[in-house]
Each structure stands twice: as structure tokens, then as C-alpha cells.
Amino acid sequence: MLKDKRILITGVAGFIGSNLADRCLELGANVIGIDNMFNGSIHNLKNAQQGKDFQLVKGDIRDYSLLLEISKEIEIIYHVGAFTSVPQSIIMPETCNAVNVNGTINILNVARKNDIEKVIFSSSSSVYGDTNKLPLTEDMPRNPISPYGTSKLAGESYMQSFHHIYGLKTIILRYFNVFGPRQKDSPYSGVTAIWIGRIQRNEPLVIFGNGENSRDFTYVKDVVQGNLLAGEKNVSGEIFNIGAGSPISLNNLAALLLRLTNRQDLLIKHTDPRPGDIIHSYADISKAKNQLDFIPQYDQKSGLKEYLSWISKNNDMT
């Protein structure tokens, strides 16, 4: 159903945005992507730029005039671009707010101005904060404990208010610890990419805290699938968890990764917990299954195997 659709993807040169762009193009969509290259890489767009149906705009979602111009003929906006790091948001809360809140308002205003059919917002499980009630359901109280989570919650609230007040079709997708090809190995990246980088450098894996923290690590192809379904289904004004639906502790994930890479010789080192880190996170994905027909195709083991295979073929973490 995305064939010949005119799509705008924000954060298109990033990890998730570039994977989404590739799949949209494979399905016959016309894609305009915008990225300020703060976290994105032109290398991630190597596949997308080979065809005639992709256009890259180097710019910032805080630039309203630019967004207004490039979205004139757009039908669907996938708003993936964001200030994404929890630790970095603690250091730079003003920048996090400017990108994730003001940038999101810009997206919504241009969508309203240009009569765009639907806006699909990439949110995060961090909006839930720490809770003892698991799995996490979309109607639970939201209590973020980091500036990043707070900014994502504000973005969600704007998405819903523009839906209710202006009739704009919006969908919110709450991602759970996404991993996979093109995820950067940097201090502010996801733990899977960081650990794989450390394995490549023959360094011990570092876990903040006792490692019993659990996460619902979700392979990027499943996140892309959730986005495509959100674009296709006649659904709006809703929030959906997009996760694997199967939590794993950091200790077990580290052990699994060392087995898959045959590097059990490397140590696992524990250090002090980080402020802003959630202890347990696990998605109830029944709503996405029922309303979007979302069914994850990967668990952590199969996702890691494919991710490691991609790294082996590309010899590259970026």
C-alpha cells in the first residue's frame, strides 16, 4: 500500500531512519529524507541513493521554513529524527528539548499546513519510567526519569493534542531498545552496538549496575515493520508499543553475545549504575498485534545473529 506514496522521513541518515527508508523504497514509495547529520551518516544512505525515488535534504527539524517547503507534496511523515541519548540528555537538556519538542511541533504544524495524511511518531519506552508493574501497557501512567524520556512524552502529548484539536491523523510508536545494522558504536549508543565494538577491540563488556536490569531488545527490522503497518492501517490517534515482547537481563544478553561471537574469553565487568537508567522494561505488544497485525519476526538471539552477519559482511559499525 506504500507504492507510489510520497513519504518524508526525519532523521533519515540515522540507524532506524535509514533502515526504514530502504524498506519504503523497496516497496515503491517516493522518499524525501531530512537529517542534520549530528548522529546520522551518509554511509547509511548508500542503498537509498542508488535509486531515483530518494532525495536527501541536509537540514534540521528545528528549521520550520525548510520543513514547510520540503513537505508540500508529502502524504506520510515518519518522524524518526530525534536527540536520542539518555546520558547525553542529562548533560544537554536544553538541546534535547529543542530538538525533540520544538522539532516535533514544527513537524505537526507543517503537516497541518500542508494537509498531510498521517504523521507517525517514533517515541520510546523511556516515557514509562521505572515501574514494578510489568509488562508495560500503553494505558499505564507515564513517569519518565530522564530529560530524554520527558521530551518524548511531550512529543507524544503534542501528537495527541493535534489529533484531537485539528483532526490530524497521528500514530505514536513506543520503541523498546532497538538494535541492529547501522547502529553506532559510541558512548551514547545502544548497549548492543557498544558491546560488539568492545568485542572487536578485545575489551571487556561493561555493565552499569548488577546486570539484572531487563530490557525488551527489539531488532530494527521489526521496528521498520511496525512503522510500515502504522502507515498502511486505517488507524489514528493511537499509541502502540513496538517491542519483541520478550525481556532479557543484561547479564544474559552479554553472555549470549559472547557465545555467538565465540569470545567467552572476554570478561564482563560491572560498574556503578548510571542516573536515568531504567531497571526493568518489557513491552505488552497485544494492542499492536490486534490493531496493526504487528508480529515480531525476531527474538534477541535471531536478531543478534543477523546483526553479527551484517557486521561481518560490511566490516563496519557505521
C-alpha atoms as a PDB file:
ATOM      1  CA  MET A   1       0.000   0.000   0.000  1.00  0.00           C
ATOM      2  CA  LEU A   2       3.015   2.319   0.199  1.00  0.00           C
ATOM      3  CA  LYS A   3       3.699   2.007  -3.537  1.00  0.00           C
ATOM      4  CA  ASP A   4       3.920   5.497  -5.111  1.00  0.00           C
ATOM      5  CA  LYS A   5       3.282   7.145  -1.730  1.00  0.00           C
ATOM      6  CA  ARG A   6       5.218  10.356  -1.131  1.00  0.00           C
ATOM      7  CA  ILE A   7       6.952   9.952   2.227  1.00  0.00           C
ATOM      8  CA  LEU A   8       9.089  12.251   4.386  1.00  0.00           C
ATOM      9  CA  ILE A   9      11.436  10.591   6.884  1.00  0.00           C
ATOM     10  CA  THR A  10      13.141  12.760   9.501  1.00  0.00           C
ATOM     11  CA  GLY A  11      16.470  11.505  10.832  1.00  0.00           C
ATOM     12  CA  VAL A  12      16.822   9.544   7.601  1.00  0.00           C
ATOM     13  CA  ALA A  13      20.603   9.085   7.829  1.00  0.00           C
ATOM     14  CA  GLY A  14      20.371   7.555  11.285  1.00  0.00           C
ATOM     15  CA  PHE A  15      20.206   3.939  12.327  1.00  0.00           C
ATOM     16  CA  ILE A  16      16.419   3.479  12.286  1.00  0.00           C
ATOM     17  CA  GLY A  17      15.607   6.137   9.682  1.00  0.00           C
ATOM     18  CA  SER A  18      17.912   4.673   7.035  1.00  0.00           C
ATOM     19  CA  ASN A  19      16.580   1.148   7.545  1.00  0.00           C
ATOM     20  CA  LEU A  20      13.035   2.500   7.221  1.00  0.00           C
ATOM     21  CA  ALA A  21      13.942   4.461   4.079  1.00  0.00           C
ATOM     22  CA  ASP A  22      15.416   1.372   2.411  1.00  0.00           C
ATOM     23  CA  ARG A  23      12.265  -0.638   3.042  1.00  0.00           C
ATOM     24  CA  CYS A  24       9.913   2.148   1.883  1.00  0.00           C
ATOM     25  CA  LEU A  25      11.904   2.431  -1.345  1.00  0.00           C
ATOM     26  CA  GLU A  26      11.810  -1.345  -1.841  1.00  0.00           C
ATOM     27  CA  LEU A  27       8.006  -1.129  -1.629  1.00  0.00           C
ATOM     28  CA  GLY A  28       7.885   1.530  -4.353  1.00  0.00           C
ATOM     29  CA  ALA A  29       7.464   4.713  -2.308  1.00  0.00           C
ATOM     30  CA  ASN A  30       9.000   8.079  -3.159  1.00  0.00           C
ATOM     31  CA  VAL A  31      11.068   9.221  -0.166  1.00  0.00           C
ATOM     32  CA  ILE A  32      12.414  12.589   0.878  1.00  0.00           C
ATOM     33  CA  GLY A  33      14.724  12.349   3.870  1.00  0.00           C
ATOM     34  CA  ILE A  34      15.981  15.125   6.122  1.00  0.00           C
ATOM     35  CA  ASP A  35      18.917  14.867   8.518  1.00  0.00           C
ATOM     36  CA  ASN A  36      21.307  17.338  10.149  1.00  0.00           C
ATOM     37  CA  MET A  37      23.991  14.613  10.335  1.00  0.00           C
ATOM     38  CA  PHE A  38      24.540  15.080  14.087  1.00  0.00           C
ATOM     39  CA  ASN A  39      24.173  11.325  14.586  1.00  0.00           C
ATOM     40  CA  GLY A  40      23.445  10.282  11.017  1.00  0.00           C
ATOM     41  CA  SER A  41      25.921   9.057   8.427  1.00  0.00           C
ATOM     42  CA  ILE A  42      25.811   9.475   4.664  1.00  0.00           C
ATOM     43  CA  HIS A  43      27.189   5.929   4.511  1.00  0.00           C
ATOM     44  CA  ASN A  44      23.832   4.668   5.855  1.00  0.00           C
ATOM     45  CA  LEU A  45      22.128   6.004   2.712  1.00  0.00           C
ATOM     46  CA  LYS A  46      24.315   4.160   0.224  1.00  0.00           C
ATOM     47  CA  ASN A  47      21.429   1.895  -0.826  1.00  0.00           C
ATOM     48  CA  ALA A  48      18.792   4.626  -0.814  1.00  0.00           C
ATOM     49  CA  GLN A  49      20.803   6.966  -3.003  1.00  0.00           C
ATOM     50  CA  GLN A  50      21.204   4.392  -5.766  1.00  0.00           C
ATOM     51  CA  GLY A  51      17.622   4.932  -6.974  1.00  0.00           C
ATOM     52  CA  LYS A  52      15.769   7.889  -8.468  1.00  0.00           C
ATOM     53  CA  ASP A  53      12.985   7.835  -5.866  1.00  0.00           C
ATOM     54  CA  PHE A  54      15.069   9.164  -2.977  1.00  0.00           C
ATOM     55  CA  GLN A  55      16.069  12.724  -2.157  1.00  0.00           C
ATOM     56  CA  LEU A  56      18.252  13.761   0.790  1.00  0.00           C
ATOM     57  CA  VAL A  57      17.847  17.197   2.329  1.00  0.00           C
ATOM     58  CA  LYS A  58      20.607  18.184   4.735  1.00  0.00           C
ATOM     59  CA  GLY A  59      18.796  20.253   7.314  1.00  0.00           C
ATOM     60  CA  ASP A  60      17.337  20.417  10.800  1.00  0.00           C
ATOM     61  CA  ILE A  61      13.807  19.749  12.041  1.00  0.00           C
ATOM     62  CA  ARG A  62      14.121  22.962  14.058  1.00  0.00           C
ATOM     63  CA  ASP A  63      14.025  24.823  10.703  1.00  0.00           C
ATOM     64  CA  TYR A  64      10.286  25.331  10.177  1.00  0.00           C
ATOM     65  CA  SER A  65      10.586  27.072   6.807  1.00  0.00           C
ATOM     66  CA  LEU A  66      12.665  24.246   5.376  1.00  0.00           C
ATOM     67  CA  LEU A  67      10.217  21.609   6.644  1.00  0.00           C
ATOM     68  CA  LEU A  68       7.300  23.550   5.200  1.00  0.00           C
ATOM     69  CA  GLU A  69       8.945  23.647   1.780  1.00  0.00           C
ATOM     70  CA  ILE A  70      10.054  20.016   1.505  1.00  0.00           C
ATOM     71  CA  SER A  71       6.741  18.588   2.781  1.00  0.00           C
ATOM     72  CA  LYS A  72       4.432  20.318   0.280  1.00  0.00           C
ATOM     73  CA  GLU A  73       3.677  17.172  -1.733  1.00  0.00           C
ATOM     74  CA  ILE A  74       4.121  14.677   1.106  1.00  0.00           C
ATOM     75  CA  GLU A  75       1.422  12.186   2.142  1.00  0.00           C
ATOM     76  CA  ILE A  76       3.013  10.473   5.166  1.00  0.00           C
ATOM     77  CA  ILE A  77       5.628  11.762   7.604  1.00  0.00           C
ATOM     78  CA  TYR A  78       7.682   9.282   9.588  1.00  0.00           C
ATOM     79  CA  HIS A  79       9.086  11.458  12.359  1.00  0.00           C
ATOM     80  CA  VAL A  80      12.117   9.418  13.431  1.00  0.00           C
ATOM     81  CA  GLY A  81      14.665  12.216  13.875  1.00  0.00           C
ATOM     82  CA  ALA A  82      15.448  12.993  17.489  1.00  0.00           C
ATOM     83  CA  PHE A  83      18.001  13.708  20.173  1.00  0.00           C
ATOM     84  CA  THR A  84      18.221  10.053  21.196  1.00  0.00           C
ATOM     85  CA  SER A  85      20.632   9.548  24.087  1.00  0.00           C
ATOM     86  CA  VAL A  86      19.516   9.346  27.723  1.00  0.00           C
ATOM     87  CA  PRO A  87      23.010  10.100  29.162  1.00  0.00           C
ATOM     88  CA  GLN A  88      23.528  12.940  26.672  1.00  0.00           C
ATOM     89  CA  SER A  89      20.116  14.404  27.520  1.00  0.00           C
ATOM     90  CA  ILE A  90      21.219  14.711  31.154  1.00  0.00           C
ATOM     91  CA  ILE A  91      24.233  16.743  30.013  1.00  0.00           C
ATOM     92  CA  MET A  92      22.352  18.763  27.367  1.00  0.00           C
ATOM     93  CA  PRO A  93      18.662  19.016  28.418  1.00  0.00           C
ATOM     94  CA  GLU A  94      18.064  22.289  26.542  1.00  0.00           C
ATOM     95  CA  THR A  95      19.248  20.845  23.226  1.00  0.00           C
ATOM     96  CA  CYS A  96      17.265  17.662  23.830  1.00  0.00           C
ATOM     97  CA  ASN A  97      14.133  19.733  24.393  1.00  0.00           C
ATOM     98  CA  ALA A  98      14.745  21.966  21.372  1.00  0.00           C
ATOM     99  CA  VAL A  99      15.095  19.009  19.023  1.00  0.00           C
ATOM    100  CA  ASN A 100      12.536  16.604  20.467  1.00  0.00           C
ATOM    101  CA  VAL A 101       9.819  19.051  21.483  1.00  0.00           C
ATOM    102  CA  ASN A 102      10.194  22.132  19.279  1.00  0.00           C
ATOM    103  CA  GLY A 103      11.171  19.978  16.304  1.00  0.00           C
ATOM    104  CA  THR A 104       8.076  17.829  16.814  1.00  0.00           C
ATOM    105  CA  ILE A 105       5.814  20.884  16.984  1.00  0.00           C
ATOM    106  CA  ASN A 106       7.336  22.017  13.684  1.00  0.00           C
ATOM    107  CA  ILE A 107       6.528  18.654  12.105  1.00  0.00           C
ATOM    108  CA  LEU A 108       2.931  18.835  13.314  1.00  0.00           C
ATOM    109  CA  ASN A 109       2.460  22.401  12.138  1.00  0.00           C
ATOM    110  CA  VAL A 110       3.743  21.689   8.633  1.00  0.00           C
ATOM    111  CA  ALA A 111       1.590  18.549   8.496  1.00  0.00           C
ATOM    112  CA  ARG A 112      -1.463  20.651   9.329  1.00  0.00           C
ATOM    113  CA  LYS A 113      -0.476  23.427   6.919  1.00  0.00           C
ATOM    114  CA  ASN A 114       0.208  21.052   4.015  1.00  0.00           C
ATOM    115  CA  ASP A 115      -2.748  18.704   4.641  1.00  0.00           C
ATOM    116  CA  ILE A 116      -0.536  15.657   5.181  1.00  0.00           C
ATOM    117  CA  GLU A 117      -2.454  12.411   5.565  1.00  0.00           C
ATOM    118  CA  LYS A 118      -0.651  10.948   8.566  1.00  0.00           C
ATOM    119  CA  VAL A 119       2.244  11.577  10.970  1.00  0.00           C
ATOM    120  CA  ILE A 120       3.875   8.550  12.619  1.00  0.00           C
ATOM    121  CA  PHE A 121       5.977   9.473  15.646  1.00  0.00           C
ATOM    122  CA  SER A 122       8.927   7.459  16.940  1.00  0.00           C
ATOM    123  CA  SER A 123       8.595   7.526  20.718  1.00  0.00           C
ATOM    124  CA  SER A 124      10.301   5.459  23.379  1.00  0.00           C
ATOM    125  CA  SER A 125       9.660   3.078  26.255  1.00  0.00           C
ATOM    126  CA  SER A 126      11.538   5.634  28.381  1.00  0.00           C
ATOM    127  CA  VAL A 127       8.256   7.550  28.790  1.00  0.00           C
ATOM    128  CA  TYR A 128       7.128   4.876  31.271  1.00  0.00           C
ATOM    129  CA  GLY A 129       9.995   5.462  33.681  1.00  0.00           C
ATOM    130  CA  ASP A 130      10.609   2.886  36.399  1.00  0.00           C
ATOM    131  CA  THR A 131       7.649   0.779  37.449  1.00  0.00           C
ATOM    132  CA  ASN A 132       7.136  -2.533  39.213  1.00  0.00           C
ATOM    133  CA  LYS A 133       4.125  -3.363  37.029  1.00  0.00           C
ATOM    134  CA  LEU A 134       5.209  -5.421  34.013  1.00  0.00           C
ATOM    135  CA  PRO A 135       4.693  -5.894  31.120  1.00  0.00           C
ATOM    136  CA  LEU A 136       4.203  -2.257  30.174  1.00  0.00           C
ATOM    137  CA  THR A 137       0.863  -1.398  28.565  1.00  0.00           C
ATOM    138  CA  GLU A 138       0.055   1.737  26.587  1.00  0.00           C
ATOM    139  CA  ASP A 139      -2.545   2.975  29.088  1.00  0.00           C
ATOM    140  CA  MET A 140      -0.239   2.837  32.117  1.00  0.00           C
ATOM    141  CA  PRO A 141       0.805   6.046  33.910  1.00  0.00           C
ATOM    142  CA  ARG A 142       3.862   7.623  32.310  1.00  0.00           C
ATOM    143  CA  ASN A 143       6.627   8.810  34.598  1.00  0.00           C
ATOM    144  CA  PRO A 144       9.884   9.448  32.697  1.00  0.00           C
ATOM    145  CA  ILE A 145      13.025   9.843  34.797  1.00  0.00           C
ATOM    146  CA  SER A 146      15.341  11.453  32.220  1.00  0.00           C
ATOM    147  CA  PRO A 147      15.170  14.625  30.108  1.00  0.00           C
ATOM    148  CA  TYR A 148      15.098  12.372  27.041  1.00  0.00           C
ATOM    149  CA  GLY A 149      12.062  10.462  28.286  1.00  0.00           C
ATOM    150  CA  THR A 150      10.372  13.703  29.310  1.00  0.00           C
ATOM    151  CA  SER A 151      10.934  15.202  25.852  1.00  0.00           C
ATOM    152  CA  LYS A 152       9.472  12.106  24.187  1.00  0.00           C
ATOM    153  CA  LEU A 153       6.436  12.282  26.459  1.00  0.00           C
ATOM    154  CA  ALA A 154       5.949  15.935  25.495  1.00  0.00           C
ATOM    155  CA  GLY A 155       6.174  14.923  21.820  1.00  0.00           C
ATOM    156  CA  GLU A 156       3.511  12.268  22.396  1.00  0.00           C
ATOM    157  CA  SER A 157       1.246  14.805  24.068  1.00  0.00           C
ATOM    158  CA  TYR A 158       1.570  17.195  21.134  1.00  0.00           C
ATOM    159  CA  MET A 159       0.819  14.353  18.709  1.00  0.00           C
ATOM    160  CA  GLN A 160      -2.377  13.549  20.573  1.00  0.00           C
ATOM    161  CA  SER A 161      -3.449  17.151  21.001  1.00  0.00           C
ATOM    162  CA  PHE A 162      -3.030  17.889  17.274  1.00  0.00           C
ATOM    163  CA  HIS A 163      -5.078  14.783  16.544  1.00  0.00           C
ATOM    164  CA  HIS A 164      -7.902  15.803  18.873  1.00  0.00           C
ATOM    165  CA  ILE A 165      -7.957  19.537  18.137  1.00  0.00           C
ATOM    166  CA  TYR A 166      -7.068  19.708  14.448  1.00  0.00           C
ATOM    167  CA  GLY A 167      -8.135  16.255  13.266  1.00  0.00           C
ATOM    168  CA  LEU A 168      -4.583  15.414  12.164  1.00  0.00           C
ATOM    169  CA  LYS A 169      -4.032  11.671  11.830  1.00  0.00           C
ATOM    170  CA  THR A 170      -1.189  10.765  14.160  1.00  0.00           C
ATOM    171  CA  ILE A 171       0.159   7.473  15.480  1.00  0.00           C
ATOM    172  CA  ILE A 172       2.680   7.073  18.298  1.00  0.00           C
ATOM    173  CA  LEU A 173       5.049   4.096  18.296  1.00  0.00           C
ATOM    174  CA  ARG A 174       6.922   3.420  21.529  1.00  0.00           C
ATOM    175  CA  TYR A 175      10.137   1.580  20.674  1.00  0.00           C
ATOM    176  CA  PHE A 176      11.829  -0.791  23.098  1.00  0.00           C
ATOM    177  CA  ASN A 177      15.656  -0.875  22.954  1.00  0.00           C
ATOM    178  CA  VAL A 178      16.166  -1.139  19.210  1.00  0.00           C
ATOM    179  CA  PHE A 179      19.326  -2.797  17.871  1.00  0.00           C
ATOM    180  CA  GLY A 180      20.681  -3.897  14.521  1.00  0.00           C
ATOM    181  CA  PRO A 181      22.625  -2.886  11.411  1.00  0.00           C
ATOM    182  CA  ARG A 182      23.939   0.699  11.246  1.00  0.00           C
ATOM    183  CA  GLN A 183      23.677   1.319  14.982  1.00  0.00           C
ATOM    184  CA  LYS A 184      26.758   3.280  16.002  1.00  0.00           C
ATOM    185  CA  ASP A 185      29.341   2.104  18.461  1.00  0.00           C
ATOM    186  CA  SER A 186      29.593   5.236  20.587  1.00  0.00           C
ATOM    187  CA  PRO A 187      29.333   6.010  24.318  1.00  0.00           C
ATOM    188  CA  TYR A 188      25.807   7.326  23.692  1.00  0.00           C
ATOM    189  CA  SER A 189      24.562   4.429  21.587  1.00  0.00           C
ATOM    190  CA  GLY A 190      22.622   1.304  22.449  1.00  0.00           C
ATOM    191  CA  VAL A 191      24.393  -1.243  24.600  1.00  0.00           C
ATOM    192  CA  THR A 192      24.426  -3.943  21.900  1.00  0.00           C
ATOM    193  CA  ALA A 193      26.435  -1.807  19.474  1.00  0.00           C
ATOM    194  CA  ILE A 194      28.778  -0.714  22.262  1.00  0.00           C
ATOM    195  CA  TRP A 195      29.432  -4.303  23.324  1.00  0.00           C
ATOM    196  CA  ILE A 196      30.064  -5.502  19.772  1.00  0.00           C
ATOM    197  CA  GLY A 197      32.572  -2.669  19.380  1.00  0.00           C
ATOM    198  CA  ARG A 198      34.305  -3.749  22.569  1.00  0.00           C
ATOM    199  CA  ILE A 199      34.428  -7.361  21.385  1.00  0.00           C
ATOM    200  CA  GLN A 200      36.053  -6.195  18.146  1.00  0.00           C
ATOM    201  CA  ARG A 201      38.677  -4.341  20.218  1.00  0.00           C
ATOM    202  CA  ASN A 202      39.215  -7.281  22.608  1.00  0.00           C
ATOM    203  CA  GLU A 203      37.910  -5.267  25.549  1.00  0.00           C
ATOM    204  CA  PRO A 204      35.732  -6.458  28.461  1.00  0.00           C
ATOM    205  CA  LEU A 205      31.973  -5.826  28.309  1.00  0.00           C
ATOM    206  CA  VAL A 206      30.915  -3.172  30.814  1.00  0.00           C
ATOM    207  CA  ILE A 207      27.540  -3.364  32.582  1.00  0.00           C
ATOM    208  CA  PHE A 208      26.262  -0.454  34.661  1.00  0.00           C
ATOM    209  CA  GLY A 209      24.814  -1.901  37.859  1.00  0.00           C
ATOM    210  CA  ASN A 210      24.415  -5.583  38.762  1.00  0.00           C
ATOM    211  CA  GLY A 211      23.244  -6.611  35.293  1.00  0.00           C
ATOM    212  CA  GLU A 212      19.890  -7.940  36.439  1.00  0.00           C
ATOM    213  CA  ASN A 213      18.223  -4.991  34.703  1.00  0.00           C
ATOM    214  CA  SER A 214      15.988  -6.387  31.975  1.00  0.00           C
ATOM    215  CA  ARG A 215      15.233  -4.949  28.547  1.00  0.00           C
ATOM    216  CA  ASP A 216      12.978  -5.848  25.649  1.00  0.00           C
ATOM    217  CA  PHE A 217      15.660  -5.645  22.960  1.00  0.00           C
ATOM    218  CA  THR A 218      13.939  -5.270  19.574  1.00  0.00           C
ATOM    219  CA  TYR A 219      15.520  -5.921  16.187  1.00  0.00           C
ATOM    220  CA  VAL A 220      15.382  -2.965  13.826  1.00  0.00           C
ATOM    221  CA  LYS A 221      13.548  -4.897  11.096  1.00  0.00           C
ATOM    222  CA  ASP A 222      10.649  -5.423  13.486  1.00  0.00           C
ATOM    223  CA  VAL A 223      10.588  -1.692  14.231  1.00  0.00           C
ATOM    224  CA  VAL A 224      10.503  -0.990  10.490  1.00  0.00           C
ATOM    225  CA  GLN A 225       7.647  -3.457  10.153  1.00  0.00           C
ATOM    226  CA  GLY A 226       5.719  -1.602  12.874  1.00  0.00           C
ATOM    227  CA  ASN A 227       6.179   1.692  11.045  1.00  0.00           C
ATOM    228  CA  LEU A 228       5.002   0.269   7.719  1.00  0.00           C
ATOM    229  CA  LEU A 229       1.892  -1.215   9.316  1.00  0.00           C
ATOM    230  CA  ALA A 230       1.142   2.104  11.023  1.00  0.00           C
ATOM    231  CA  GLY A 231       1.338   3.789   7.625  1.00  0.00           C
ATOM    232  CA  GLU A 232      -0.932   1.250   5.951  1.00  0.00           C
ATOM    233  CA  LYS A 233      -3.664   0.680   8.537  1.00  0.00           C
ATOM    234  CA  ASN A 234      -6.667   2.955   8.866  1.00  0.00           C
ATOM    235  CA  VAL A 235      -5.795   3.809  12.460  1.00  0.00           C
ATOM    236  CA  SER A 236      -5.054   7.187  14.046  1.00  0.00           C
ATOM    237  CA  GLY A 237      -4.852   8.855  17.443  1.00  0.00           C
ATOM    238  CA  GLU A 238      -3.397   5.703  18.996  1.00  0.00           C
ATOM    239  CA  ILE A 239      -0.252   4.673  20.879  1.00  0.00           C
ATOM    240  CA  PHE A 240       1.404   1.306  20.252  1.00  0.00           C
ATOM    241  CA  ASN A 241       4.267  -0.488  21.963  1.00  0.00           C
ATOM    242  CA  ILE A 242       6.720  -1.839  19.386  1.00  0.00           C
ATOM    243  CA  GLY A 243       8.891  -4.417  21.095  1.00  0.00           C
ATOM    244  CA  ALA A 244       9.985  -8.026  20.917  1.00  0.00           C
ATOM    245  CA  GLY A 245       7.709  -8.925  23.816  1.00  0.00           C
ATOM    246  CA  SER A 246      10.494 -10.999  25.419  1.00  0.00           C
ATOM    247  CA  PRO A 247      12.716  -9.413  28.094  1.00  0.00           C
ATOM    248  CA  ILE A 248      16.296 -10.449  28.743  1.00  0.00           C
ATOM    249  CA  SER A 249      18.666  -9.348  31.509  1.00  0.00           C
ATOM    250  CA  LEU A 250      21.840  -7.506  30.591  1.00  0.00           C
ATOM    251  CA  ASN A 251      23.860 -10.325  32.154  1.00  0.00           C
ATOM    252  CA  ASN A 252      22.156 -12.893  29.920  1.00  0.00           C
ATOM    253  CA  LEU A 253      22.419 -10.687  26.848  1.00  0.00           C
ATOM    254  CA  ALA A 254      26.153 -10.232  27.407  1.00  0.00           C
ATOM    255  CA  ALA A 255      26.624 -13.981  27.860  1.00  0.00           C
ATOM    256  CA  LEU A 256      24.600 -14.680  24.687  1.00  0.00           C
ATOM    257  CA  LEU A 257      26.632 -12.189  22.673  1.00  0.00           C
ATOM    258  CA  LEU A 258      29.934 -13.683  23.852  1.00  0.00           C
ATOM    259  CA  ARG A 259      28.709 -17.172  22.886  1.00  0.00           C
ATOM    260  CA  LEU A 260      27.555 -16.059  19.436  1.00  0.00           C
ATOM    261  CA  THR A 261      30.912 -14.395  18.771  1.00  0.00           C
ATOM    262  CA  ASN A 262      32.860 -17.264  20.374  1.00  0.00           C
ATOM    263  CA  ARG A 263      34.529 -14.808  22.744  1.00  0.00           C
ATOM    264  CA  GLN A 264      33.796 -16.291  26.167  1.00  0.00           C
ATOM    265  CA  ASP A 265      37.411 -15.438  26.989  1.00  0.00           C
ATOM    266  CA  LEU A 266      36.409 -11.778  27.413  1.00  0.00           C
ATOM    267  CA  LEU A 267      35.441 -10.521  30.854  1.00  0.00           C
ATOM    268  CA  ILE A 268      32.146  -8.933  31.899  1.00  0.00           C
ATOM    269  CA  LYS A 269      32.810  -6.016  34.258  1.00  0.00           C
ATOM    270  CA  HIS A 270      30.204  -4.365  36.468  1.00  0.00           C
ATOM    271  CA  THR A 271      30.368  -0.708  37.440  1.00  0.00           C
ATOM    272  CA  ASP A 272      28.143   1.856  39.167  1.00  0.00           C
ATOM    273  CA  PRO A 273      24.583   2.309  37.846  1.00  0.00           C
ATOM    274  CA  ARG A 274      24.002   5.354  35.630  1.00  0.00           C
ATOM    275  CA  PRO A 275      21.490   8.074  36.550  1.00  0.00           C
ATOM    276  CA  GLY A 276      18.410   7.979  34.335  1.00  0.00           C
ATOM    277  CA  ASP A 277      18.702   4.274  33.540  1.00  0.00           C
ATOM    278  CA  ILE A 278      15.501   2.259  33.969  1.00  0.00           C
ATOM    279  CA  ILE A 279      15.787  -1.022  35.880  1.00  0.00           C
ATOM    280  CA  HIS A 280      13.189  -3.157  34.069  1.00  0.00           C
ATOM    281  CA  SER A 281      11.400  -2.637  30.759  1.00  0.00           C
ATOM    282  CA  TYR A 282       9.180  -5.150  28.983  1.00  0.00           C
ATOM    283  CA  ALA A 283       6.501  -4.459  26.370  1.00  0.00           C
ATOM    284  CA  ASP A 284       2.975  -5.770  26.192  1.00  0.00           C
ATOM    285  CA  ILE A 285       2.513  -5.759  22.394  1.00  0.00           C
ATOM    286  CA  SER A 286      -1.030  -7.172  22.286  1.00  0.00           C
ATOM    287  CA  LYS A 287      -2.538  -3.841  21.171  1.00  0.00           C
ATOM    288  CA  ALA A 288      -0.134  -3.599  18.218  1.00  0.00           C
ATOM    289  CA  LYS A 289      -0.895  -7.235  17.347  1.00  0.00           C
ATOM    290  CA  ASN A 290      -4.654  -6.647  17.470  1.00  0.00           C
ATOM    291  CA  GLN A 291      -4.877  -3.288  15.681  1.00  0.00           C
ATOM    292  CA  LEU A 292      -1.807  -3.254  13.415  1.00  0.00           C
ATOM    293  CA  ASP A 293      -1.290  -7.004  12.872  1.00  0.00           C
ATOM    294  CA  PHE A 294       2.225  -6.489  14.238  1.00  0.00           C
ATOM    295  CA  ILE A 295       4.036  -9.757  14.922  1.00  0.00           C
ATOM    296  CA  PRO A 296       7.768  -9.608  15.718  1.00  0.00           C
ATOM    297  CA  GLN A 297       9.858 -11.828  13.456  1.00  0.00           C
ATOM    298  CA  TYR A 298      12.992 -11.793  15.628  1.00  0.00           C
ATOM    299  CA  ASP A 299      13.919 -12.621  19.193  1.00  0.00           C
ATOM    300  CA  GLN A 300      17.202 -11.417  20.700  1.00  0.00           C
ATOM    301  CA  LYS A 301      19.172 -14.454  19.511  1.00  0.00           C
ATOM    302  CA  SER A 302      17.999 -14.422  15.892  1.00  0.00           C
ATOM    303  CA  GLY A 303      18.330 -10.636  15.743  1.00  0.00           C
ATOM    304  CA  LEU A 304      21.887 -10.753  17.078  1.00  0.00           C
ATOM    305  CA  LYS A 305      22.831 -13.493  14.621  1.00  0.00           C
ATOM    306  CA  GLU A 306      21.625 -11.418  11.674  1.00  0.00           C
ATOM    307  CA  TYR A 307      23.242  -8.266  13.079  1.00  0.00           C
ATOM    308  CA  LEU A 308      26.599 -10.038  13.502  1.00  0.00           C
ATOM    309  CA  SER A 309      26.327 -11.460   9.995  1.00  0.00           C
ATOM    310  CA  TRP A 310      25.754  -7.958   8.621  1.00  0.00           C
ATOM    311  CA  ILE A 311      28.794  -6.645  10.504  1.00  0.00           C
ATOM    312  CA  SER A 312      30.918  -9.491   9.171  1.00  0.00           C
ATOM    313  CA  LYS A 313      29.885  -8.707   5.588  1.00  0.00           C
ATOM    314  CA  ASN A 314      30.266  -4.952   5.949  1.00  0.00           C
ATOM    315  CA  ASN A 315      33.231  -4.933   8.376  1.00  0.00           C
ATOM    316  CA  ASP A 316      31.764  -1.680   9.606  1.00  0.00           C
ATOM    317  CA  MET A 317      29.762  -0.410  12.551  1.00  0.00           C
ATOM    318  CA  THR A 318      28.578   2.761  10.839  1.00  0.00           C
END
